[in-house]
Protein backbone atom coordinates (compact mmCIF):
# COMPACT_ATOMS: atom_id res chain seq x y z
CA UNK A 1 80.90 166.78 83.82
CA UNK A 2 80.55 164.91 87.32
CA UNK A 3 82.92 161.88 86.86
CA UNK A 4 82.69 158.56 89.62
CA UNK A 5 85.11 158.39 91.50
CA UNK A 6 87.18 155.22 91.27
CA UNK A 7 85.90 152.10 92.71
CA UNK A 8 88.20 150.63 95.61
CA UNK A 9 86.30 147.46 95.89
CA UNK A 10 86.82 146.71 92.50
CA UNK A 11 88.00 143.96 90.90
CA UNK A 12 91.48 143.48 88.93
CA UNK A 13 89.83 143.08 85.54
CA UNK A 14 87.28 146.63 86.68
CA UNK A 15 90.82 148.30 87.10
CA UNK A 16 92.29 146.61 83.88
CA UNK A 17 89.71 147.75 81.58
CA UNK A 18 89.99 151.08 83.08
CA UNK A 19 93.35 151.57 82.85
CA UNK A 20 93.51 150.39 79.02
CA UNK A 21 90.48 152.33 77.65
CA UNK A 22 91.73 155.91 79.96
CA UNK A 23 87.92 155.45 81.92
CA UNK A 24 88.08 158.12 84.63
CA UNK A 25 84.08 157.47 84.86
CA UNK A 26 82.95 159.88 82.55
CA UNK A 27 81.98 157.31 79.36
CA UNK A 28 78.79 155.42 80.57
CA UNK A 29 79.31 152.55 78.03
CA UNK A 30 82.68 151.75 79.60
CA UNK A 31 80.81 150.81 82.80
CA UNK A 32 79.58 147.54 81.21
CA UNK A 33 83.02 146.81 79.29
CA UNK A 34 84.14 144.61 82.37
CA UNK A 35 81.54 142.52 82.68
CA UNK A 36 81.14 142.12 79.30
CA UNK A 37 85.05 141.29 79.07
CA UNK A 38 84.59 138.82 81.85
CA UNK A 39 81.77 136.65 79.82
CA UNK A 40 84.24 137.19 76.87
CA UNK A 41 86.78 135.30 79.32
CA UNK A 42 84.37 132.74 80.10
CA UNK A 43 83.85 131.64 76.75
CA UNK A 44 87.67 130.81 75.84
CA UNK A 45 89.33 127.74 76.83
CA UNK A 46 90.96 127.13 79.86
CA UNK A 47 94.80 127.60 79.22
CA UNK A 48 93.64 131.07 77.21
CA UNK A 49 91.11 131.79 79.94
CA UNK A 50 94.16 131.58 82.25
CA UNK A 51 96.70 133.35 79.99
CA UNK A 52 94.69 136.54 79.63
CA UNK A 53 93.77 136.48 83.62
CA UNK A 54 97.63 135.78 84.30
CA UNK A 55 98.60 139.06 82.27
CA UNK A 56 95.56 141.02 84.01
CA UNK A 57 97.18 140.22 87.07
CA UNK A 58 100.56 140.73 86.43
CA UNK A 59 99.50 144.53 84.61
CA UNK A 60 97.54 144.89 88.68
CA UNK A 61 100.80 143.23 90.46
CA UNK A 62 103.05 146.06 88.58
CA UNK A 63 100.60 148.89 89.76
CA UNK A 64 100.76 147.75 93.24
CA UNK A 65 104.69 147.86 93.26
CA UNK A 66 104.44 151.13 91.44
CA UNK A 67 101.73 152.88 93.96
CA UNK A 68 101.00 150.67 96.51
CA UNK A 69 97.88 149.98 95.31
CA UNK A 70 95.58 147.78 92.68
CA UNK A 71 94.59 149.54 89.19
CA UNK A 72 90.81 149.26 90.54
CA UNK A 73 91.91 151.93 93.75
CA UNK A 74 93.49 154.48 91.49
CA UNK A 75 92.91 157.30 89.57
CA UNK A 76 92.51 157.63 85.91
CA UNK A 77 95.44 159.79 86.05
CA UNK A 78 97.72 157.31 87.69
CA UNK A 79 96.23 154.28 86.15
CA UNK A 80 97.19 156.12 82.69
CA UNK A 81 100.80 156.74 84.15
CA UNK A 82 100.99 152.78 84.98
CA UNK A 83 100.28 151.84 81.16
CA UNK A 84 102.16 154.66 79.73
CA UNK A 85 105.04 153.55 81.88
CA UNK A 86 104.58 149.76 80.64
CA UNK A 87 103.56 150.68 76.96
CA UNK A 88 107.27 152.25 77.01
CA UNK A 89 109.13 148.87 77.62
CA UNK A 90 109.51 147.16 74.43
CA UNK A 91 109.46 143.80 75.55
CA UNK A 92 105.88 144.10 76.74
CA UNK A 93 104.39 146.10 73.93
CA UNK A 94 103.24 142.51 72.21
CA UNK A 95 101.85 141.41 75.26
CA UNK A 96 99.81 144.59 76.07
CA UNK A 97 98.41 143.95 72.45
CA UNK A 98 97.34 140.72 72.89
CA UNK A 99 95.64 141.73 76.00
CA UNK A 100 93.40 144.41 74.14
CA UNK A 101 91.91 142.46 71.75
CA UNK A 102 89.10 140.59 74.35
CA UNK A 103 89.21 144.46 75.51
CA UNK A 104 88.70 146.10 72.62
CA UNK A 105 85.77 143.45 71.51
CA UNK A 106 84.05 143.94 74.74
CA UNK A 107 84.23 147.63 74.18
CA UNK A 108 83.25 147.60 70.73
CA UNK A 109 80.26 145.71 71.64
CA UNK A 110 79.00 148.26 74.58
CA UNK A 111 79.68 151.00 72.06
CA UNK A 112 77.80 149.71 69.43
CA UNK A 113 73.71 151.11 69.54
CA UNK A 114 71.47 147.57 69.20
CA UNK A 115 71.02 146.91 65.68
CA UNK A 116 67.25 146.55 64.67
CA UNK A 117 66.40 142.92 64.52
CA UNK A 118 65.41 142.08 61.33
CA UNK A 119 62.24 139.51 60.60
CA UNK A 120 63.74 136.48 61.10
CA UNK A 121 63.10 134.01 57.98
CA UNK A 122 62.16 130.18 57.92
CA UNK A 123 65.32 128.15 57.26
CA UNK A 124 64.70 125.40 55.06
CA UNK A 125 64.04 122.03 57.05
CA UNK A 126 66.76 120.50 58.54
CA UNK A 127 66.19 116.47 60.03
CA UNK A 128 68.66 117.15 62.93
CA UNK A 129 68.26 115.07 66.36
CA UNK A 130 69.96 116.16 69.64
CA UNK A 131 72.68 114.02 70.46
CA UNK A 132 71.35 112.90 73.69
CA UNK A 133 68.10 111.46 71.93
CA UNK A 134 70.16 108.94 69.58
CA UNK A 135 69.83 105.54 70.10
CA UNK A 136 72.52 103.35 71.38
CA UNK A 137 73.17 101.59 68.38
CA UNK A 138 71.83 102.25 65.03
CA UNK A 139 72.71 101.65 61.69
CA UNK A 140 73.39 103.25 58.06
CA UNK A 141 75.10 103.15 54.90
CA UNK A 142 77.26 106.04 55.26
CA UNK A 143 78.52 108.13 58.38
CA UNK A 144 80.04 111.79 57.78
CA UNK A 145 81.75 113.12 60.11
CA UNK A 146 81.28 117.23 60.27
CA UNK A 147 79.33 119.28 58.08
CA UNK A 148 80.84 121.92 56.62
CA UNK A 149 81.84 122.81 53.23
CA UNK A 150 83.29 119.31 52.46
CA UNK A 151 80.77 117.12 54.98
CA UNK A 152 77.35 118.46 53.91
CA UNK A 153 78.20 118.10 49.88
CA UNK A 154 79.41 114.30 50.82
CA UNK A 155 76.16 113.94 52.54
CA UNK A 156 74.25 115.40 49.83
CA UNK A 157 75.93 113.70 46.98
CA UNK A 158 75.58 109.85 48.62
CA UNK A 159 71.87 110.55 49.90
CA UNK A 160 70.45 111.63 46.72
CA UNK A 161 72.37 108.38 45.07
CA UNK A 162 70.12 106.61 47.67
CA UNK A 163 72.69 105.57 50.74
CA UNK A 164 70.83 106.33 54.70
CA UNK A 165 73.38 108.83 55.28
CA UNK A 166 73.80 110.17 58.59
CA UNK A 167 75.62 113.17 59.63
CA UNK A 168 77.24 113.90 63.23
CA UNK A 169 78.44 117.31 63.97
CA UNK A 170 79.82 118.13 67.17
CA UNK A 171 78.48 121.60 67.08
CA UNK A 172 74.63 122.73 67.43
CA UNK A 173 71.97 123.70 64.75
CA UNK A 174 71.89 127.69 65.18
CA UNK A 175 69.00 128.65 62.75
CA UNK A 176 68.80 132.11 61.63
CA UNK A 177 66.49 133.49 64.01
CA UNK A 178 68.72 132.53 66.64
CA UNK A 179 70.93 135.15 65.25
CA UNK A 180 68.59 138.29 65.08
CA UNK A 181 68.54 140.28 68.19
CA UNK A 182 72.10 139.35 69.72
CA UNK A 183 75.03 141.00 70.22
CA UNK A 184 77.80 139.89 67.20
CA UNK A 185 80.42 139.28 70.37
CA UNK A 186 77.61 136.56 71.98
CA UNK A 187 76.94 134.53 68.66
CA UNK A 188 81.13 135.05 68.00
CA UNK A 189 81.67 133.09 71.44
CA UNK A 190 78.67 130.37 70.57
CA UNK A 191 80.01 129.72 66.84
CA UNK A 192 83.25 129.47 66.82
CA UNK A 193 85.38 126.61 68.60
CA UNK A 194 87.43 127.77 72.03
CA UNK A 195 85.16 131.17 71.31
CA UNK A 196 87.33 131.93 68.51
CA UNK A 197 90.53 131.35 70.29
CA UNK A 198 91.81 129.12 68.54
CA UNK A 199 95.43 129.39 67.70
CA UNK A 200 98.73 127.98 65.76
CA UNK A 201 101.85 128.33 67.90
CA UNK A 202 105.13 129.64 66.16
CA UNK A 203 107.01 133.11 65.76
CA UNK A 204 104.72 135.17 65.16
CA UNK A 205 101.67 132.96 66.50
CA UNK A 206 98.42 134.00 65.08
CA UNK A 207 94.89 133.39 65.63
CA UNK A 208 93.08 130.36 63.61
CA UNK A 209 89.24 130.69 64.50
CA UNK A 210 87.29 127.70 62.89
CA UNK A 211 83.31 127.57 63.51
CA UNK A 212 81.75 124.63 65.55
CA UNK A 213 77.84 124.73 64.63
CA UNK A 214 75.89 122.69 61.82
CA UNK A 215 77.29 124.09 58.24
CA UNK A 216 80.79 124.35 60.02
CA UNK A 217 82.68 127.34 59.19
CA UNK A 218 80.33 128.47 56.08
CA UNK A 219 78.31 129.42 58.95
CA UNK A 220 80.99 132.46 60.19
CA UNK A 221 82.84 133.03 56.62
CA UNK A 222 82.61 136.34 54.99
CA UNK A 223 80.62 134.31 52.00
CA UNK A 224 83.45 135.31 49.23
CA UNK A 225 83.27 132.34 46.55
CA UNK A 226 86.50 132.25 44.07
CA UNK A 227 87.00 129.45 41.49
CA UNK A 228 89.66 127.25 42.46
CA UNK A 229 92.76 129.15 40.15
CA UNK A 230 93.36 126.95 37.06
CA UNK A 231 97.47 126.95 37.40
CA UNK A 232 96.21 125.51 41.24
CA UNK A 233 93.88 123.11 39.53
CA UNK A 234 96.73 121.95 36.99
CA UNK A 235 99.54 121.71 40.05
CA UNK A 236 96.92 119.81 41.94
CA UNK A 237 96.63 116.88 38.92
CA UNK A 238 99.69 117.32 37.54
CA UNK A 239 102.40 117.52 40.31
CA UNK A 240 100.12 115.43 43.09
CA UNK A 241 98.31 113.34 40.29
CA UNK A 242 95.19 114.48 42.45
CA UNK A 243 92.11 112.99 40.50
CA UNK A 244 89.19 115.61 41.89
CA UNK A 245 91.33 118.01 40.22
CA UNK A 246 90.49 117.24 36.51
CA UNK A 247 86.89 117.56 37.12
CA UNK A 248 87.01 120.31 39.34
CA UNK A 249 85.82 122.72 36.78
CA UNK A 250 81.98 120.97 36.25
CA UNK A 251 82.22 120.16 40.58
CA UNK A 252 82.70 124.18 40.84
CA UNK A 253 79.79 125.04 38.38
CA UNK A 254 77.46 122.69 40.69
CA UNK A 255 78.76 124.45 43.94
CA UNK A 256 77.76 127.93 42.38
CA UNK A 257 74.81 126.91 41.53
CA UNK A 258 73.69 125.66 44.69
CA UNK A 259 75.27 128.47 46.96
CA UNK A 260 73.80 130.77 44.39
CA UNK A 261 77.29 132.52 43.50
CA UNK A 262 76.71 136.23 42.14
CA UNK A 263 79.11 139.49 41.75
CA UNK A 264 78.21 141.39 45.01
CA UNK A 265 75.99 144.72 43.54
CA UNK A 266 77.73 147.83 44.13
CA UNK A 267 74.34 149.66 45.67
CA UNK A 268 75.23 147.15 49.23
CA UNK A 269 78.96 147.64 49.20
CA UNK A 270 79.03 149.82 51.77
CA UNK A 271 81.72 153.08 51.95
CA UNK A 272 84.40 150.49 52.84
CA UNK A 273 84.39 148.34 49.85
CA UNK A 274 83.77 151.26 47.57
CA UNK A 275 87.15 153.56 48.70
CA UNK A 276 88.79 150.29 47.75
CA UNK A 277 87.88 150.29 44.43
CA UNK A 278 88.48 153.93 44.06
CA UNK A 279 91.98 153.29 45.21
CA UNK A 280 92.59 150.80 43.09
CA UNK A 281 91.01 152.69 40.32
CA UNK A 282 93.64 155.62 40.83
CA UNK A 283 96.55 153.40 40.95
CA UNK A 284 95.66 151.53 37.71
CA UNK A 285 95.14 148.09 39.46
CA UNK A 286 92.80 145.08 38.74
CA UNK A 287 89.86 145.26 41.35
CA UNK A 288 86.62 144.36 41.70
CA UNK A 289 83.18 143.34 43.81
CA UNK A 290 83.50 139.68 44.78
CA UNK A 291 81.37 137.06 44.41
CA UNK A 292 79.96 135.65 47.12
CA UNK A 293 76.95 133.36 48.06
CA UNK A 294 74.66 136.25 49.25
CA UNK A 295 71.56 137.07 46.92
CA UNK A 296 69.51 139.37 48.58
CA UNK A 297 72.55 140.91 51.10
CA UNK A 298 71.26 143.17 53.27
CA UNK A 299 74.84 144.96 54.32
CA UNK A 300 74.66 144.01 57.65
CA UNK A 301 78.27 143.26 58.08
CA UNK A 302 77.73 140.26 60.08
CA UNK A 303 78.87 137.62 57.73
CA UNK A 304 81.41 136.14 60.59
CA UNK A 305 78.65 135.97 63.57
CA UNK A 306 76.18 134.51 61.52
CA UNK A 307 73.89 136.45 58.92
CA UNK A 308 70.70 138.16 60.57
CA UNK A 309 68.82 137.75 57.10
CA UNK A 310 69.31 134.86 55.95
CA UNK A 311 70.79 136.15 52.71
CA UNK A 312 74.18 133.91 53.04
CA UNK A 313 73.70 130.93 51.61
CA UNK A 314 75.86 128.48 54.03
CA UNK A 315 75.25 124.96 53.56
CA UNK A 316 73.12 124.17 56.65
CA UNK A 317 70.79 126.57 54.40
CA UNK A 318 71.68 125.70 50.83
CA UNK A 319 73.17 122.52 50.67
CA UNK A 320 71.93 120.33 54.01
CA UNK A 321 68.42 120.74 53.12
CA UNK A 322 68.91 118.52 49.71
CA UNK A 323 70.76 116.22 51.62
CA UNK A 324 67.81 116.00 54.42
CA UNK A 325 65.01 116.14 51.75
CA UNK A 326 66.88 112.92 50.20
CA UNK A 327 66.58 111.07 53.99
CA UNK A 328 70.03 112.24 55.55
CA UNK A 329 70.02 112.75 59.41
CA UNK A 330 72.06 115.23 61.23
CA UNK A 331 72.95 114.04 65.18
CA UNK A 332 73.83 117.60 66.74
CA UNK A 333 76.24 118.17 69.84
CA UNK A 334 77.90 114.60 69.03
CA UNK A 335 81.81 114.10 69.05
CA UNK A 336 83.38 110.93 67.24
CA UNK A 337 85.29 109.43 69.75
CA UNK A 338 86.91 107.19 66.69
CA UNK A 339 86.25 105.18 63.74
CA UNK A 340 85.42 101.57 64.37
CA UNK A 341 87.12 99.28 62.13
CA UNK A 342 86.89 95.39 61.44
CA UNK A 343 90.52 94.35 61.72
CA UNK A 344 89.76 90.57 61.85
CA UNK A 345 89.22 89.95 57.97
CA UNK A 346 92.50 88.97 55.92
CA UNK A 347 93.86 92.24 54.44
CA UNK A 348 93.31 95.78 55.22
CA UNK A 349 90.77 96.90 57.81
CA UNK A 350 87.86 97.99 56.93
CA UNK A 351 85.33 100.93 58.59
CA UNK A 352 82.58 99.25 60.62
CA UNK A 353 81.22 102.84 61.69
CA UNK A 354 82.00 105.26 64.17
CA UNK A 355 81.76 105.34 67.98
CA UNK A 356 80.04 108.83 69.44
CA UNK A 357 80.51 110.66 72.73
CA UNK A 358 77.52 112.32 74.07
CA UNK A 359 77.74 115.84 75.36
CA UNK A 360 76.56 114.95 79.12
CA UNK A 361 78.56 111.66 79.40
CA UNK A 362 78.25 108.12 77.62
CA UNK A 363 78.50 107.21 73.96
CA UNK A 364 76.74 105.64 70.82
CA UNK A 365 77.41 103.44 67.94
CA UNK A 366 76.36 104.07 64.21
CA UNK A 367 77.68 100.97 62.25
CA UNK A 368 78.36 101.57 58.42
CA UNK A 369 80.67 100.65 55.82
CA UNK A 370 81.61 103.59 54.52
CA UNK A 371 82.67 106.59 56.94
CA UNK A 372 83.35 110.34 55.30
CA UNK A 373 85.98 112.21 57.67
CA UNK A 374 85.08 115.85 57.15
CA UNK A 375 86.30 117.78 60.62
CA UNK A 376 88.39 120.27 58.63
CA UNK A 377 92.13 120.73 58.69
CA UNK A 378 93.04 121.02 62.11
CA UNK A 379 90.96 117.77 63.76
CA UNK A 380 90.50 115.17 60.62
CA UNK A 381 94.63 114.24 61.60
CA UNK A 382 93.35 113.39 65.40
CA UNK A 383 90.14 111.99 64.86
CA UNK A 384 92.46 109.53 62.74
CA UNK A 385 94.88 109.38 65.17
CA UNK A 386 93.06 107.72 67.97
CA UNK A 387 90.89 105.78 65.59
CA UNK A 388 94.45 103.84 65.32
CA UNK A 389 94.22 104.82 61.18
CA UNK A 390 96.69 107.78 61.77
CA UNK A 391 99.76 105.65 60.59
CA UNK A 392 101.07 107.69 57.94
CA UNK A 393 103.92 109.85 58.84
CA UNK A 394 103.24 112.93 57.12
CA UNK A 395 99.57 112.94 58.42
CA UNK A 396 98.96 116.28 60.41
CA UNK A 397 101.54 117.77 57.80
CA UNK A 398 101.53 120.21 55.01
CA UNK A 399 99.28 122.88 56.99
CA UNK A 400 98.93 125.61 55.54
CA UNK A 401 96.58 128.55 56.44
CA UNK A 402 96.55 131.32 54.38
CA UNK A 403 98.24 133.97 56.66
CA UNK A 404 96.33 137.02 56.90
CA UNK A 405 97.31 140.62 58.01
CA UNK A 406 95.07 144.16 57.95
CA UNK A 407 95.87 147.78 58.09
CA UNK A 408 93.42 150.46 57.87
CA UNK A 409 92.97 154.04 56.90
CA UNK A 410 91.66 157.22 58.52
CA UNK A 411 89.55 159.35 56.35
CA UNK A 412 88.46 162.77 56.95
CA UNK A 413 84.59 161.74 56.41
CA UNK A 414 83.09 158.76 58.27
CA UNK A 415 83.08 155.29 56.28
CA UNK A 416 80.54 153.27 58.75
CA UNK A 417 82.25 150.30 58.04
CA UNK A 418 79.42 148.55 60.07
CA UNK A 419 77.05 148.98 57.19
CA UNK A 420 77.66 147.57 53.93
CA UNK A 421 79.31 144.42 52.81
CA UNK A 422 81.82 142.58 55.82
CA UNK A 423 84.28 141.31 52.39
CA UNK A 424 83.29 143.06 49.72
CA UNK A 425 85.98 143.90 47.06
CA UNK A 426 89.00 142.11 45.63
CA UNK A 427 92.36 143.88 44.63
CA UNK A 428 94.00 141.05 42.65
CA UNK A 429 97.27 143.30 41.52
CA UNK A 430 99.45 141.26 43.23
CA UNK A 431 97.60 138.41 42.87
CA UNK A 432 100.26 136.44 40.75
CA UNK A 433 102.54 137.19 43.36
CA UNK A 434 100.48 134.84 46.20
CA UNK A 435 98.98 138.44 47.59
CA UNK A 436 95.56 139.11 47.50
CA UNK A 437 94.07 142.14 49.14
CA UNK A 438 90.10 142.27 50.07
CA UNK A 439 88.16 145.06 51.75
CA UNK A 440 87.15 143.43 54.67
CA UNK A 441 85.13 145.05 57.50
CA UNK A 442 85.22 143.47 60.24
CA UNK A 443 84.19 145.18 63.94
CA UNK A 444 87.46 146.05 66.40
CA UNK A 445 88.99 142.91 67.75
CA UNK A 446 87.55 141.03 65.16
CA UNK A 447 90.46 140.46 62.61
CA UNK A 448 93.88 140.61 62.42
CA UNK A 449 93.73 144.29 62.87
CA UNK A 450 94.47 146.07 66.11
CA UNK A 451 93.88 149.70 67.07
CA UNK A 452 97.04 151.02 68.52
CA UNK A 453 97.49 152.89 71.93
CA UNK A 454 96.82 152.59 75.11
CA UNK A 455 94.50 154.04 77.70
CA UNK A 456 93.00 157.62 76.41
CA UNK A 457 94.70 157.37 73.47
CA UNK A 458 93.18 153.92 72.90
CA UNK A 459 90.03 155.20 73.97
CA UNK A 460 90.04 157.99 71.25
CA UNK A 461 91.08 155.24 68.12
CA UNK A 462 87.95 153.49 69.34
CA UNK A 463 85.62 156.28 69.10
CA UNK A 464 86.78 157.64 66.12
CA UNK A 465 86.81 153.87 64.54
CA UNK A 466 84.11 155.01 61.97
CA UNK A 467 86.14 156.70 59.96
CA UNK A 468 88.52 153.72 59.65
CA UNK A 469 88.35 151.41 56.10
CA UNK A 470 90.52 148.36 56.82
CA UNK A 471 91.96 146.51 54.08
CA UNK A 472 93.36 142.62 54.51
CA UNK A 473 95.70 140.56 52.94
CA UNK A 474 95.44 136.96 52.08
CA UNK A 475 99.21 135.24 51.37
CA UNK A 476 99.52 131.79 49.15
CA UNK A 477 101.90 130.11 51.99
CA UNK A 478 103.81 127.61 51.52
CA UNK A 479 103.13 124.62 53.69
CA UNK A 480 105.00 125.49 57.04
CA UNK A 481 102.85 124.27 60.09
CA UNK A 482 101.73 120.76 61.27
CA UNK A 483 99.05 119.42 63.40
CA UNK A 484 100.02 117.09 66.34
CA UNK A 485 97.62 115.61 68.83
CA UNK A 486 94.94 113.10 69.51
CA UNK A 487 92.04 114.46 71.29
CA UNK A 488 92.93 118.12 71.36
CA UNK A 489 94.79 119.24 68.30
CA UNK A 490 97.73 121.65 68.53
CA UNK A 491 98.71 123.61 65.87
CA UNK A 492 102.73 124.80 64.90
CA UNK A 493 103.19 127.21 62.16
CA UNK A 494 106.41 128.82 61.34
CA UNK A 495 105.88 131.39 58.78
CA UNK A 496 108.43 130.97 55.77
CA UNK A 497 110.72 133.89 55.57
CA UNK A 498 109.34 134.49 51.23
CA UNK A 499 105.70 134.75 52.98
CA UNK A 500 107.13 137.13 55.07
CA UNK A 501 108.40 139.15 52.77
CA UNK A 502 105.13 138.75 50.85
CA UNK A 503 103.22 140.05 53.77
CA UNK A 504 105.29 143.06 54.26
CA UNK A 505 104.46 143.83 50.27
CA UNK A 506 100.66 143.33 51.16
CA UNK A 507 101.17 146.03 54.11
CA UNK A 508 102.74 148.20 51.18
CA UNK A 509 100.56 147.53 48.67
CA UNK A 510 97.30 148.16 51.09
CA UNK A 511 98.81 151.48 52.33
CA UNK A 512 99.16 152.30 48.84
CA UNK A 513 95.44 151.69 47.90
CA UNK A 514 94.40 153.45 51.04
CA UNK A 515 96.22 156.64 50.09
CA UNK A 516 94.92 156.56 46.79
CA UNK A 517 91.54 156.73 47.94
CA UNK A 518 92.55 159.34 50.23
CA UNK A 519 93.14 158.24 53.57
CA UNK A 520 94.81 160.98 55.90
CA UNK A 521 97.01 158.10 57.27
CA UNK A 522 97.16 154.73 57.24
CA UNK A 523 97.27 152.80 60.78
CA UNK A 524 99.67 149.36 60.05
CA UNK A 525 98.43 147.33 63.39
CA UNK A 526 102.46 147.17 64.04
CA UNK A 527 102.91 148.31 67.62
CA UNK A 528 106.08 149.59 67.67
CA UNK A 529 105.29 151.50 64.23
CA UNK A 530 101.73 152.31 64.80
CA UNK A 531 100.44 154.64 61.60
CA UNK A 532 102.27 156.52 58.69
CA UNK A 533 100.68 159.89 57.02
CA UNK A 534 102.03 159.00 53.31
CA UNK A 535 103.44 156.58 51.77
CA UNK A 536 106.53 157.56 51.94
CA UNK A 537 106.82 157.07 55.79
CA UNK A 538 104.63 154.49 55.06
CA UNK A 539 107.71 152.83 52.95
CA UNK A 540 110.45 153.88 55.49
CA UNK A 541 108.35 152.82 58.28
CA UNK A 542 108.79 149.04 56.79
CA UNK A 543 111.90 149.05 56.64
CA UNK A 544 111.97 148.85 60.49
CA UNK A 545 109.75 146.14 60.86
CA UNK A 546 109.66 142.34 60.20
CA UNK A 547 106.80 140.24 59.51
CA UNK A 548 107.47 138.70 62.49
CA UNK A 549 105.90 142.02 64.55
CA UNK A 550 102.76 141.78 62.13
CA UNK A 551 99.23 140.44 63.78
CA UNK A 552 98.59 137.61 61.87
CA UNK A 553 95.44 135.48 61.96
CA UNK A 554 94.47 132.76 59.26
CA UNK A 555 91.01 131.34 58.30
CA UNK A 556 91.76 128.53 56.03
CA UNK A 557 93.61 125.66 56.87
CA UNK A 558 94.43 123.31 54.59
CA UNK A 559 96.57 120.05 53.32
CA UNK A 560 96.81 118.01 56.56
CA UNK A 561 95.93 114.66 54.77
CA UNK A 562 96.34 115.99 51.65
CA UNK A 563 95.32 113.52 48.48
CA UNK A 564 97.80 112.29 45.96
CA UNK A 565 99.45 109.27 43.82
CA UNK A 566 102.57 109.12 45.76
CA UNK A 567 102.13 106.45 48.92
CA UNK A 568 105.04 108.28 50.91
CA UNK A 569 103.49 111.63 50.58
CA UNK A 570 100.09 111.77 50.66
CA UNK A 571 98.09 109.74 53.54
CA UNK A 572 95.13 110.04 51.48
CA UNK A 573 94.92 108.33 47.42
CA UNK A 574 94.39 110.63 44.52
CA UNK A 575 90.76 109.94 44.97
CA UNK A 576 90.07 110.87 48.13
CA UNK A 577 90.32 107.32 50.02
CA UNK A 578 92.38 107.10 53.41
CA UNK A 579 95.36 104.84 52.63
CA UNK A 580 95.68 101.51 55.22
CA UNK A 581 92.14 101.25 56.00
CA UNK A 582 88.89 100.51 53.67
CA UNK A 583 85.68 102.68 53.46
CA UNK A 584 87.22 105.72 54.74
CA UNK A 585 86.98 108.68 52.28
CA UNK A 586 88.49 112.47 53.44
CA UNK A 587 86.45 115.09 52.20
CA UNK A 588 87.36 118.33 53.70
CA UNK A 589 90.16 121.16 53.52
CA UNK A 590 92.75 118.74 55.04
CA UNK A 591 92.87 116.65 51.71
CA UNK A 592 93.75 119.37 49.37
CA UNK A 593 97.38 118.87 48.19
CA UNK A 594 98.09 122.64 48.48
CA UNK A 595 97.58 126.11 49.20
CA UNK A 596 94.19 126.87 46.98
CA UNK A 597 95.54 130.43 47.02
CA UNK A 598 91.87 132.01 47.62
CA UNK A 599 88.95 131.38 49.90
CA UNK A 600 88.30 127.94 49.94
CA UNK A 601 85.29 127.34 50.35
CA UNK A 602 84.44 126.35 46.71
CA UNK A 603 87.12 124.26 46.08
CA UNK A 604 86.76 122.26 49.13
CA UNK A 605 82.72 121.62 48.26
CA UNK A 606 84.38 120.90 44.88
CA UNK A 607 86.83 118.09 45.52
CA UNK A 608 84.19 116.89 48.66
CA UNK A 609 81.66 116.58 45.42
CA UNK A 610 84.12 114.69 43.23
CA UNK A 611 85.46 112.38 46.22
CA UNK A 612 82.14 111.14 46.96
CA UNK A 613 81.26 110.69 43.14
CA UNK A 614 84.22 108.62 42.34
CA UNK A 615 83.03 106.31 45.37
CA UNK A 616 79.69 105.71 43.92
CA UNK A 617 81.45 105.08 40.27
């Protein structure tokens, strides 16, 4: 086979990508990866982009020192030798694994055959007004900051009660028709804040991606809908005095009806889910298809980048249309700079509205006696601080994130995880120990699982990815994080030793399920111990691994403006009112007193409904 000669005028990115993928010019799709890699970097925040470019430059500089030439000017064999030498240096292995992520995202996109574009469905109507077109000053009965799970429900309750409601959303409106025909990676960088690169700093660091769009993170979550466990409801009520927990049953029923939640049918699960069920059955473990808000799911496996068929009932398809039908309006592309407060009257200050930034510069004001804050657990604290309302000493503390890790099993027959439900099956055998396993078939690079190897070894793994089944595990964590900052959230998270032990237990359990299902080997995602051929080898391997060597991600931040009756502990009172001011409610994941121990969308929606109804009572 004829191969391309190495380019002596290639960029550092071209040389780096070729080195990482072992490209000697013999794989047509690889030639497109550097451009996709660059486009992916362009969507990331400047500090992350600079860090990745710095890592690429460092590898290229090593090649120059080692050979006298940059990576792009080396032959495929010479590049392979350079990355192999780097890979043998243990301190550099975690860095190389982090640099792999954007390359794997780009490579997986270019390898995939374009999916047939479904006929774009017609979304229910929304009353959306771009921030550029909103008047300089307006009035409303209530302003809701954020349009995700909590904000959408609060807006619906208030609008249906007859209040004039304006929802202010920093993201844009992405109708279902905008998803069809676009590569998943393009949607990924559009639909997530910071291009999906939000992270928590700590040991280990973890990715913490959150959505930014009309509908918030519900547009890009898996569609899994767990009810808040009874023992969690009891804890919120008894220990914290959080009144919404007392009526959570009826509010959860309402949320499930709005989202049309049902158990996912077996015929659309896909092989990834069926293998998880088979492995759990052979172990005698509790498992079953997950309850999801996706009636008519076609198994597109694209939930985390916007459902292209409109089957997943994200709140922009299910809740916000009701709010708009009752008169609510949504301002898009609008960042709330501060909550306005009237401080001239005796007593506590009173909410007076919000000041909002337009994308192209300038501001406008919406005057209102009621402001509902639903900016999410990572961004609600900053908004309150820059509004002069963040004086409570525990605001931003109490952060739980549901730390997650993934492993993959290699099977003899193709699994083709891209066909079926992205998150399909729950294995609950260890849930009473704070460990929830879920079959989650995300594309390479889009989860906490990272393919092992460098050079040709990594390319072989990527080309053989169709035989991998992936399981993920979430840990009910202690509140080990904190969000600081006013204009930009800075997230710090220190994994608690107990939760580290739970993660290692979860890796062992996921291996058991995969081996029981017939896996030939299990890929751990741990750079220094990447694979095990049987359970005994996996168990032995895990005696040499710490939780800080795992690749971690998290998708469920909660608790940073916790509600409760203790004024010294809780920034928000027991019914959702921010302490120290009249007329400000908090109705998002930040108000949950502790980790909900399950995917939190239903919990957040139910609590937001209770908070809004309590205000109207």
